[in-house]
PDB file of N, CA and C in Angstrom:
ATOM      1  N   UNK A   1      34.627 -28.969 -93.932  1.00  0.00           N
ATOM      2  CA  UNK A   1      34.263 -28.383 -92.695  1.00  0.00           C
ATOM      3  C   UNK A   1      35.201 -27.131 -92.139  1.00  0.00           C
ATOM      4  N   UNK A   2      34.258 -26.332 -92.058  1.00  0.00           N
ATOM      5  CA  UNK A   2      35.042 -24.692 -91.498  1.00  0.00           C
ATOM      6  C   UNK A   2      35.611 -24.733 -90.069  1.00  0.00           C
ATOM      7  N   UNK A   3      36.974 -24.417 -89.722  1.00  0.00           N
ATOM      8  CA  UNK A   3      37.327 -24.665 -87.876  1.00  0.00           C
ATOM      9  C   UNK A   3      36.645 -24.231 -87.829  1.00  0.00           C
ATOM     10  N   UNK A   4      35.937 -22.735 -87.579  1.00  0.00           N
ATOM     11  CA  UNK A   4      35.217 -22.396 -86.075  1.00  0.00           C
ATOM     12  C   UNK A   4      33.917 -22.744 -86.159  1.00  0.00           C
ATOM     13  N   UNK A   5      33.737 -23.652 -87.026  1.00  0.00           N
ATOM     14  CA  UNK A   5      32.241 -24.422 -86.933  1.00  0.00           C
ATOM     15  C   UNK A   5      32.619 -25.771 -85.988  1.00  0.00           C
ATOM     16  N   UNK A   6      33.784 -26.130 -86.839  1.00  0.00           N
ATOM     17  CA  UNK A   6      34.599 -27.455 -85.821  1.00  0.00           C
ATOM     18  C   UNK A   6      35.015 -27.081 -84.149  1.00  0.00           C
ATOM     19  N   UNK A   7      35.379 -26.036 -84.060  1.00  0.00           N
ATOM     20  CA  UNK A   7      35.381 -25.430 -82.704  1.00  0.00           C
ATOM     21  C   UNK A   7      34.598 -25.654 -81.800  1.00  0.00           C
ATOM     22  N   UNK A   8      33.473 -25.047 -82.469  1.00  0.00           N
ATOM     23  CA  UNK A   8      31.808 -25.093 -82.024  1.00  0.00           C
ATOM     24  C   UNK A   8      31.848 -26.279 -81.456  1.00  0.00           C
ATOM     25  N   UNK A   9      31.712 -27.156 -82.207  1.00  0.00           N
ATOM     26  CA  UNK A   9      30.790 -28.342 -82.294  1.00  0.00           C
ATOM     27  C   UNK A   9      31.743 -29.273 -80.964  1.00  0.00           C
ATOM     28  N   UNK A  10      33.446 -29.071 -81.093  1.00  0.00           N
ATOM     29  CA  UNK A  10      34.196 -29.504 -79.640  1.00  0.00           C
ATOM     30  C   UNK A  10      33.884 -28.964 -78.440  1.00  0.00           C
ATOM     31  N   UNK A  11      33.427 -28.074 -78.672  1.00  0.00           N
ATOM     32  CA  UNK A  11      33.093 -27.078 -77.357  1.00  0.00           C
ATOM     33  C   UNK A  11      31.678 -28.174 -76.799  1.00  0.00           C
ATOM     34  N   UNK A  12      30.806 -27.922 -77.944  1.00  0.00           N
ATOM     35  CA  UNK A  12      29.623 -28.238 -77.721  1.00  0.00           C
ATOM     36  C   UNK A  12      29.428 -29.379 -76.917  1.00  0.00           C
ATOM     37  N   UNK A  13      30.484 -30.831 -77.847  1.00  0.00           N
ATOM     38  CA  UNK A  13      30.516 -31.783 -77.325  1.00  0.00           C
ATOM     39  C   UNK A  13      31.380 -32.077 -76.037  1.00  0.00           C
ATOM     40  N   UNK A  14      31.881 -31.286 -75.234  1.00  0.00           N
ATOM     41  CA  UNK A  14      32.668 -30.669 -74.305  1.00  0.00           C
ATOM     42  C   UNK A  14      31.689 -30.435 -73.323  1.00  0.00           C
ATOM     43  N   UNK A  15      31.097 -29.773 -73.443  1.00  0.00           N
ATOM     44  CA  UNK A  15      29.526 -29.438 -72.338  1.00  0.00           C
ATOM     45  C   UNK A  15      29.120 -30.917 -71.752  1.00  0.00           C
ATOM     46  N   UNK A  16      28.906 -31.133 -73.371  1.00  0.00           N
ATOM     47  CA  UNK A  16      27.975 -32.412 -73.267  1.00  0.00           C
ATOM     48  C   UNK A  16      28.693 -33.796 -72.587  1.00  0.00           C
ATOM     49  N   UNK A  17      29.826 -33.883 -72.764  1.00  0.00           N
ATOM     50  CA  UNK A  17      30.757 -34.601 -71.392  1.00  0.00           C
ATOM     51  C   UNK A  17      30.607 -34.684 -69.975  1.00  0.00           C
ATOM     52  N   UNK A  18      31.127 -33.181 -70.026  1.00  0.00           N
ATOM     53  CA  UNK A  18      31.141 -32.852 -68.762  1.00  0.00           C
ATOM     54  C   UNK A  18      29.811 -33.045 -68.178  1.00  0.00           C
ATOM     55  N   UNK A  19      28.791 -32.742 -68.138  1.00  0.00           N
ATOM     56  CA  UNK A  19      27.425 -33.307 -67.673  1.00  0.00           C
ATOM     57  C   UNK A  19      27.031 -34.601 -67.598  1.00  0.00           C
ATOM     58  N   UNK A  20      27.270 -35.451 -68.382  1.00  0.00           N
ATOM     59  CA  UNK A  20      27.601 -37.015 -68.657  1.00  0.00           C
ATOM     60  C   UNK A  20      28.214 -37.638 -67.380  1.00  0.00           C
ATOM     61  N   UNK A  21      29.487 -37.277 -67.226  1.00  0.00           N
ATOM     62  CA  UNK A  21      30.645 -37.005 -65.853  1.00  0.00           C
ATOM     63  C   UNK A  21      30.056 -36.896 -65.110  1.00  0.00           C
ATOM     64  N   UNK A  22      29.021 -35.339 -64.446  1.00  0.00           N
ATOM     65  CA  UNK A  22      28.618 -35.273 -62.927  1.00  0.00           C
ATOM     66  C   UNK A  22      27.160 -35.736 -63.081  1.00  0.00           C
ATOM     67  N   UNK A  23      26.849 -36.388 -64.033  1.00  0.00           N
ATOM     68  CA  UNK A  23      25.385 -37.218 -63.591  1.00  0.00           C
ATOM     69  C   UNK A  23      25.967 -38.044 -63.367  1.00  0.00           C
ATOM     70  N   UNK A  24      26.933 -39.281 -63.335  1.00  0.00           N
ATOM     71  CA  UNK A  24      26.794 -40.187 -63.469  1.00  0.00           C
ATOM     72  C   UNK A  24      28.003 -40.329 -62.039  1.00  0.00           C
ATOM     73  N   UNK A  25      28.232 -39.119 -61.517  1.00  0.00           N
ATOM     74  CA  UNK A  25      28.943 -39.130 -60.238  1.00  0.00           C
ATOM     75  C   UNK A  25      27.790 -38.653 -59.626  1.00  0.00           C
ATOM     76  N   UNK A  26      27.104 -38.256 -59.291  1.00  0.00           N
ATOM     77  CA  UNK A  26      25.821 -37.752 -58.866  1.00  0.00           C
ATOM     78  C   UNK A  26      24.919 -39.384 -58.811  1.00  0.00           C
ATOM     79  N   UNK A  27      24.858 -39.930 -59.754  1.00  0.00           N
ATOM     80  CA  UNK A  27      24.149 -41.790 -59.767  1.00  0.00           C
ATOM     81  C   UNK A  27      24.645 -42.543 -58.535  1.00  0.00           C
ATOM     82  N   UNK A  28      26.139 -42.339 -58.791  1.00  0.00           N
ATOM     83  CA  UNK A  28      26.852 -42.889 -57.812  1.00  0.00           C
ATOM     84  C   UNK A  28      26.626 -42.670 -56.190  1.00  0.00           C
ATOM     85  N   UNK A  29      26.619 -41.625 -56.252  1.00  0.00           N
ATOM     86  CA  UNK A  29      26.523 -40.870 -54.713  1.00  0.00           C
ATOM     87  C   UNK A  29      25.813 -40.279 -53.765  1.00  0.00           C
ATOM     88  N   UNK A  30      24.302 -40.866 -54.778  1.00  0.00           N
ATOM     89  CA  UNK A  30      23.417 -39.712 -54.744  1.00  0.00           C
ATOM     90  C   UNK A  30      22.196 -40.946 -54.006  1.00  0.00           C
ATOM     91  N   UNK A  31      21.898 -41.188 -52.748  1.00  0.00           N
ATOM     92  CA  UNK A  31      20.791 -42.258 -52.560  1.00  0.00           C
ATOM     93  C   UNK A  31      19.435 -41.422 -52.388  1.00  0.00           C
ATOM     94  N   UNK A  32      19.344 -40.141 -52.158  1.00  0.00           N
ATOM     95  CA  UNK A  32      17.720 -39.521 -52.443  1.00  0.00           C
ATOM     96  C   UNK A  32      17.453 -39.008 -53.625  1.00  0.00           C
ATOM     97  N   UNK A  33      16.313 -39.764 -53.596  1.00  0.00           N
ATOM     98  CA  UNK A  33      15.414 -39.439 -55.217  1.00  0.00           C
ATOM     99  C   UNK A  33      15.356 -38.038 -55.621  1.00  0.00           C
ATOM    100  N   UNK A  34      14.582 -37.620 -54.666  1.00  0.00           N
ATOM    101  CA  UNK A  34      14.146 -36.026 -55.049  1.00  0.00           C
ATOM    102  C   UNK A  34      15.790 -35.085 -55.264  1.00  0.00           C
ATOM    103  N   UNK A  35      16.957 -35.448 -54.530  1.00  0.00           N
ATOM    104  CA  UNK A  35      17.614 -34.944 -54.549  1.00  0.00           C
ATOM    105  C   UNK A  35      18.726 -35.267 -55.987  1.00  0.00           C
ATOM    106  N   UNK A  36      19.054 -36.284 -56.148  1.00  0.00           N
ATOM    107  CA  UNK A  36      19.273 -36.829 -57.387  1.00  0.00           C
ATOM    108  C   UNK A  36      18.668 -36.533 -58.692  1.00  0.00           C
ATOM    109  N   UNK A  37      17.230 -36.139 -58.523  1.00  0.00           N
ATOM    110  CA  UNK A  37      16.771 -35.623 -59.733  1.00  0.00           C
ATOM    111  C   UNK A  37      16.406 -33.935 -59.820  1.00  0.00           C
ATOM    112  N   UNK A  38      16.394 -32.964 -58.768  1.00  0.00           N
ATOM    113  CA  UNK A  38      17.088 -32.070 -58.709  1.00  0.00           C
ATOM    114  C   UNK A  38      18.606 -31.763 -58.966  1.00  0.00           C
ATOM    115  N   UNK A  39      19.772 -32.580 -58.626  1.00  0.00           N
ATOM    116  CA  UNK A  39      20.699 -32.510 -58.663  1.00  0.00           C
ATOM    117  C   UNK A  39      21.306 -32.425 -60.460  1.00  0.00           C
ATOM    118  N   UNK A  40      20.182 -33.400 -61.045  1.00  0.00           N
ATOM    119  CA  UNK A  40      20.211 -33.655 -62.420  1.00  0.00           C
ATOM    120  C   UNK A  40      19.863 -32.137 -62.884  1.00  0.00           C
ATOM    121  N   UNK A  41      19.105 -32.073 -62.609  1.00  0.00           N
ATOM    122  CA  UNK A  41      18.604 -30.213 -63.483  1.00  0.00           C
ATOM    123  C   UNK A  41      19.487 -29.688 -63.397  1.00  0.00           C
ATOM    124  N   UNK A  42      20.180 -29.464 -62.392  1.00  0.00           N
ATOM    125  CA  UNK A  42      21.045 -28.544 -61.869  1.00  0.00           C
ATOM    126  C   UNK A  42      22.065 -28.568 -62.725  1.00  0.00           C
ATOM    127  N   UNK A  43      22.633 -29.717 -63.075  1.00  0.00           N
ATOM    128  CA  UNK A  43      24.071 -30.256 -63.826  1.00  0.00           C
ATOM    129  C   UNK A  43      23.627 -29.974 -65.204  1.00  0.00           C
ATOM    130  N   UNK A  44      22.049 -29.778 -65.894  1.00  0.00           N
ATOM    131  CA  UNK A  44      22.095 -29.581 -66.733  1.00  0.00           C
ATOM    132  C   UNK A  44      22.425 -27.644 -67.505  1.00  0.00           C
ATOM    133  N   UNK A  45      21.666 -26.670 -65.405  1.00  0.00           N
ATOM    134  CA  UNK A  45      22.006 -25.775 -66.037  1.00  0.00           C
ATOM    135  C   UNK A  45      23.284 -25.235 -66.000  1.00  0.00           C
ATOM    136  N   UNK A  46      23.704 -25.939 -65.169  1.00  0.00           N
ATOM    137  CA  UNK A  46      25.572 -25.321 -64.687  1.00  0.00           C
ATOM    138  C   UNK A  46      26.559 -25.953 -65.579  1.00  0.00           C
ATOM    139  N   UNK A  47      26.157 -26.870 -65.871  1.00  0.00           N
ATOM    140  CA  UNK A  47      27.777 -27.951 -66.357  1.00  0.00           C
ATOM    141  C   UNK A  47      27.134 -27.542 -68.207  1.00  0.00           C
ATOM    142  N   UNK A  48      25.959 -27.953 -68.536  1.00  0.00           N
ATOM    143  CA  UNK A  48      25.561 -28.306 -70.339  1.00  0.00           C
ATOM    144  C   UNK A  48      25.155 -26.697 -70.848  1.00  0.00           C
ATOM    145  N   UNK A  49      24.879 -25.915 -69.667  1.00  0.00           N
ATOM    146  CA  UNK A  49      24.449 -24.354 -70.272  1.00  0.00           C
ATOM    147  C   UNK A  49      23.614 -23.925 -70.120  1.00  0.00           C
ATOM    148  N   UNK A  50      22.481 -24.910 -70.037  1.00  0.00           N
ATOM    149  CA  UNK A  50      20.927 -24.410 -70.544  1.00  0.00           C
ATOM    150  C   UNK A  50      21.046 -23.776 -69.612  1.00  0.00           C
ATOM    151  N   UNK A  51      19.747 -22.849 -69.879  1.00  0.00           N
ATOM    152  CA  UNK A  51      18.888 -21.479 -69.238  1.00  0.00           C
ATOM    153  C   UNK A  51      18.519 -22.083 -68.047  1.00  0.00           C
ATOM    154  N   UNK A  52      17.394 -23.137 -68.379  1.00  0.00           N
ATOM    155  CA  UNK A  52      16.609 -24.009 -67.155  1.00  0.00           C
ATOM    156  C   UNK A  52      16.406 -25.182 -67.902  1.00  0.00           C
ATOM    157  N   UNK A  53      15.701 -26.269 -66.683  1.00  0.00           N
ATOM    158  CA  UNK A  53      16.107 -27.130 -67.031  1.00  0.00           C
ATOM    159  C   UNK A  53      14.480 -27.438 -65.845  1.00  0.00           C
ATOM    160  N   UNK A  54      13.679 -29.210 -66.040  1.00  0.00           N
ATOM    161  CA  UNK A  54      12.847 -28.819 -65.385  1.00  0.00           C
ATOM    162  C   UNK A  54      12.653 -30.799 -65.715  1.00  0.00           C
ATOM    163  N   UNK A  55      12.136 -31.543 -64.521  1.00  0.00           N
ATOM    164  CA  UNK A  55      11.294 -32.823 -64.790  1.00  0.00           C
ATOM    165  C   UNK A  55      10.513 -33.156 -64.308  1.00  0.00           C
ATOM    166  N   UNK A  56       9.521 -33.800 -65.171  1.00  0.00           N
ATOM    167  CA  UNK A  56       8.130 -33.888 -64.727  1.00  0.00           C
ATOM    168  C   UNK A  56       7.815 -35.976 -65.376  1.00  0.00           C
ATOM    169  N   UNK A  57       6.514 -35.989 -63.812  1.00  0.00           N
ATOM    170  CA  UNK A  57       6.141 -37.266 -64.416  1.00  0.00           C
ATOM    171  C   UNK A  57       5.020 -36.756 -64.794  1.00  0.00           C
ATOM    172  N   UNK A  58       4.389 -38.171 -65.960  1.00  0.00           N
ATOM    173  CA  UNK A  58       3.180 -37.873 -66.583  1.00  0.00           C
ATOM    174  C   UNK A  58       1.986 -38.573 -65.709  1.00  0.00           C
ATOM    175  N   UNK A  59       0.731 -38.347 -65.546  1.00  0.00           N
ATOM    176  CA  UNK A  59      -0.240 -39.518 -64.603  1.00  0.00           C
ATOM    177  C   UNK A  59      -0.586 -39.781 -65.248  1.00  0.00           C
ATOM    178  N   UNK A  60      -1.310 -40.873 -64.553  1.00  0.00           N
ATOM    179  CA  UNK A  60      -2.747 -41.583 -66.158  1.00  0.00           C
ATOM    180  C   UNK A  60      -3.576 -40.582 -66.503  1.00  0.00           C
ATOM    181  N   UNK A  61      -3.815 -39.077 -65.640  1.00  0.00           N
ATOM    182  CA  UNK A  61      -4.433 -38.549 -67.142  1.00  0.00           C
ATOM    183  C   UNK A  61      -3.856 -37.929 -67.668  1.00  0.00           C
ATOM    184  N   UNK A  62      -2.824 -38.128 -68.192  1.00  0.00           N
ATOM    185  CA  UNK A  62      -2.062 -36.916 -69.007  1.00  0.00           C
ATOM    186  C   UNK A  62      -1.845 -35.701 -68.452  1.00  0.00           C
ATOM    187  N   UNK A  63      -1.168 -35.214 -67.342  1.00  0.00           N
ATOM    188  CA  UNK A  63      -1.351 -34.522 -66.827  1.00  0.00           C
ATOM    189  C   UNK A  63       0.523 -34.885 -65.891  1.00  0.00           C
ATOM    190  N   UNK A  64       0.763 -33.489 -66.286  1.00  0.00           N
ATOM    191  CA  UNK A  64       2.520 -33.305 -65.718  1.00  0.00           C
ATOM    192  C   UNK A  64       2.418 -33.181 -64.166  1.00  0.00           C
ATOM    193  N   UNK A  65       3.305 -33.829 -63.680  1.00  0.00           N
ATOM    194  CA  UNK A  65       3.754 -33.003 -62.382  1.00  0.00           C
ATOM    195  C   UNK A  65       5.170 -33.259 -62.245  1.00  0.00           C
ATOM    196  N   UNK A  66       5.512 -31.696 -61.827  1.00  0.00           N
ATOM    197  CA  UNK A  66       6.872 -31.254 -61.791  1.00  0.00           C
ATOM    198  C   UNK A  66       7.916 -31.518 -60.778  1.00  0.00           C
ATOM    199  N   UNK A  67       8.641 -32.163 -60.786  1.00  0.00           N
ATOM    200  CA  UNK A  67       9.112 -32.941 -59.500  1.00  0.00           C
ATOM    201  C   UNK A  67      10.478 -32.289 -59.058  1.00  0.00           C
ATOM    202  N   UNK A  68      10.994 -32.070 -59.919  1.00  0.00           N
ATOM    203  CA  UNK A  68      12.204 -31.079 -59.874  1.00  0.00           C
ATOM    204  C   UNK A  68      12.605 -30.011 -61.030  1.00  0.00           C
ATOM    205  N   UNK A  69      13.027 -28.465 -60.590  1.00  0.00           N
ATOM    206  CA  UNK A  69      13.766 -27.369 -61.756  1.00  0.00           C
ATOM    207  C   UNK A  69      14.741 -27.001 -61.490  1.00  0.00           C
ATOM    208  N   UNK A  70      15.159 -26.267 -61.815  1.00  0.00           N
ATOM    209  CA  UNK A  70      16.497 -25.683 -62.319  1.00  0.00           C
ATOM    210  C   UNK A  70      16.852 -24.534 -62.877  1.00  0.00           C
ATOM    211  N   UNK A  71      17.075 -23.301 -62.587  1.00  0.00           N
ATOM    212  CA  UNK A  71      17.441 -22.461 -63.766  1.00  0.00           C
ATOM    213  C   UNK A  71      16.221 -21.264 -63.804  1.00  0.00           C
ATOM    214  N   UNK A  72      14.720 -21.626 -63.409  1.00  0.00           N
ATOM    215  CA  UNK A  72      13.707 -20.625 -63.311  1.00  0.00           C
ATOM    216  C   UNK A  72      13.644 -19.657 -62.309  1.00  0.00           C
ATOM    217  N   UNK A  73      12.961 -18.836 -63.081  1.00  0.00           N
ATOM    218  CA  UNK A  73      12.615 -17.706 -62.447  1.00  0.00           C
ATOM    219  C   UNK A  73      11.015 -17.349 -61.997  1.00  0.00           C
ATOM    220  N   UNK A  74      10.920 -16.377 -61.389  1.00  0.00           N
ATOM    221  CA  UNK A  74       9.130 -16.672 -61.661  1.00  0.00           C
ATOM    222  C   UNK A  74       8.617 -16.742 -62.881  1.00  0.00           C
ATOM    223  N   UNK A  75       9.041 -16.941 -63.615  1.00  0.00           N
ATOM    224  CA  UNK A  75       8.464 -16.828 -65.295  1.00  0.00           C
ATOM    225  C   UNK A  75       7.790 -18.787 -65.212  1.00  0.00           C
ATOM    226  N   UNK A  76       8.530 -19.638 -64.631  1.00  0.00           N
ATOM    227  CA  UNK A  76       7.999 -21.174 -64.574  1.00  0.00           C
ATOM    228  C   UNK A  76       6.822 -21.101 -64.009  1.00  0.00           C
ATOM    229  N   UNK A  77       6.542 -20.247 -62.860  1.00  0.00           N
ATOM    230  CA  UNK A  77       5.039 -20.512 -62.675  1.00  0.00           C
ATOM    231  C   UNK A  77       3.897 -20.095 -63.797  1.00  0.00           C
ATOM    232  N   UNK A  78       4.271 -19.472 -64.515  1.00  0.00           N
ATOM    233  CA  UNK A  78       3.380 -19.732 -66.039  1.00  0.00           C
ATOM    234  C   UNK A  78       3.177 -20.705 -66.479  1.00  0.00           C
ATOM    235  N   UNK A  79       4.586 -21.159 -66.685  1.00  0.00           N
ATOM    236  CA  UNK A  79       4.459 -22.753 -67.475  1.00  0.00           C
ATOM    237  C   UNK A  79       3.879 -23.874 -66.331  1.00  0.00           C
ATOM    238  N   UNK A  80       4.016 -23.293 -65.204  1.00  0.00           N
ATOM    239  CA  UNK A  80       3.254 -24.318 -64.725  1.00  0.00           C
ATOM    240  C   UNK A  80       2.122 -24.857 -64.140  1.00  0.00           C
ATOM    241  N   UNK A  81       1.842 -23.495 -63.997  1.00  0.00           N
ATOM    242  CA  UNK A  81      -0.021 -23.088 -64.347  1.00  0.00           C
ATOM    243  C   UNK A  81      -0.621 -23.817 -65.460  1.00  0.00           C
ATOM    244  N   UNK A  82       0.068 -23.542 -66.669  1.00  0.00           N
ATOM    245  CA  UNK A  82      -0.234 -24.244 -68.389  1.00  0.00           C
ATOM    246  C   UNK A  82      -0.150 -25.567 -68.094  1.00  0.00           C
ATOM    247  N   UNK A  83       0.851 -26.545 -67.405  1.00  0.00           N
ATOM    248  CA  UNK A  83       0.650 -28.185 -67.230  1.00  0.00           C
ATOM    249  C   UNK A  83      -0.158 -28.325 -66.668  1.00  0.00           C
ATOM    250  N   UNK A  84      -0.804 -27.937 -65.345  1.00  0.00           N
ATOM    251  CA  UNK A  84      -1.856 -27.987 -64.330  1.00  0.00           C
ATOM    252  C   UNK A  84      -3.281 -27.999 -65.641  1.00  0.00           C
ATOM    253  N   UNK A  85      -3.111 -27.516 -66.303  1.00  0.00           N
ATOM    254  CA  UNK A  85      -4.310 -27.163 -67.300  1.00  0.00           C
ATOM    255  C   UNK A  85      -4.262 -27.972 -68.451  1.00  0.00           C
ATOM    256  N   UNK A  86      -3.364 -28.676 -68.867  1.00  0.00           N
ATOM    257  CA  UNK A  86      -2.768 -29.739 -69.529  1.00  0.00           C
ATOM    258  C   UNK A  86      -2.756 -28.984 -71.081  1.00  0.00           C
ATOM    259  N   UNK A  87      -2.254 -27.546 -70.829  1.00  0.00           N
ATOM    260  CA  UNK A  87      -1.409 -26.811 -71.953  1.00  0.00           C
ATOM    261  C   UNK A  87      -0.143 -27.095 -72.225  1.00  0.00           C
ATOM    262  N   UNK A  88       0.073 -27.921 -73.537  1.00  0.00           N
ATOM    263  CA  UNK A  88       1.249 -28.203 -72.687  1.00  0.00           C
ATOM    264  C   UNK A  88       2.046 -27.511 -74.150  1.00  0.00           C
ATOM    265  N   UNK A  89       3.376 -27.403 -74.108  1.00  0.00           N
ATOM    266  CA  UNK A  89       4.083 -26.562 -74.926  1.00  0.00           C
ATOM    267  C   UNK A  89       4.452 -27.257 -76.046  1.00  0.00           C
ATOM    268  N   UNK A  90       4.951 -26.842 -77.060  1.00  0.00           N
ATOM    269  CA  UNK A  90       4.767 -27.301 -78.668  1.00  0.00           C
ATOM    270  C   UNK A  90       6.201 -28.671 -78.161  1.00  0.00           C
ATOM    271  N   UNK A  91       7.459 -28.508 -77.342  1.00  0.00           N
ATOM    272  CA  UNK A  91       8.365 -29.265 -76.842  1.00  0.00           C
ATOM    273  C   UNK A  91       7.767 -30.342 -76.419  1.00  0.00           C
ATOM    274  N   UNK A  92       6.546 -30.283 -75.422  1.00  0.00           N
ATOM    275  CA  UNK A  92       6.156 -31.244 -74.794  1.00  0.00           C
ATOM    276  C   UNK A  92       5.302 -32.316 -75.988  1.00  0.00           C
ATOM    277  N   UNK A  93       4.933 -31.456 -76.273  1.00  0.00           N
ATOM    278  CA  UNK A  93       3.977 -32.279 -77.328  1.00  0.00           C
ATOM    279  C   UNK A  93       4.232 -32.722 -78.561  1.00  0.00           C
ATOM    280  N   UNK A  94       5.683 -32.661 -78.899  1.00  0.00           N
ATOM    281  CA  UNK A  94       6.463 -33.040 -79.950  1.00  0.00           C
ATOM    282  C   UNK A  94       7.067 -34.300 -78.929  1.00  0.00           C
ATOM    283  N   UNK A  95       7.565 -34.258 -77.439  1.00  0.00           N
ATOM    284  CA  UNK A  95       7.430 -35.542 -76.742  1.00  0.00           C
ATOM    285  C   UNK A  95       6.344 -36.869 -76.764  1.00  0.00           C
ATOM    286  N   UNK A  96       5.601 -36.479 -76.947  1.00  0.00           N
ATOM    287  CA  UNK A  96       4.380 -37.251 -76.807  1.00  0.00           C
ATOM    288  C   UNK A  96       4.415 -37.897 -77.725  1.00  0.00           C
ATOM    289  N   UNK A  97       4.311 -37.452 -79.017  1.00  0.00           N
ATOM    290  CA  UNK A  97       4.572 -37.897 -80.469  1.00  0.00           C
ATOM    291  C   UNK A  97       5.501 -38.800 -80.322  1.00  0.00           C
ATOM    292  N   UNK A  98       6.471 -38.643 -79.857  1.00  0.00           N
ATOM    293  CA  UNK A  98       7.783 -40.182 -80.519  1.00  0.00           C
ATOM    294  C   UNK A  98       7.079 -41.225 -79.433  1.00  0.00           C
TER     295      UNK A  98
END
């Protein structure tokens, strides 16, 4: 394996481990459900390096209700409108198939 590739893998894994550690701390210290869920989104953006993160709930009518988000600008309003119309992104569709 190429050493540049190995270094990139190590850096990526370190980001993952940092995010897990921060989520673990949050689970132990945060009693408020909404703050916990919002905090997880924040950690994914800040520690894991994602551009954005959101967590939603799927109701009985297969509608997604966004309950927390981080890293989004006004562009997320477009996605939220699509979710309200049950127009799921490819990523969400793949999740439902699992």
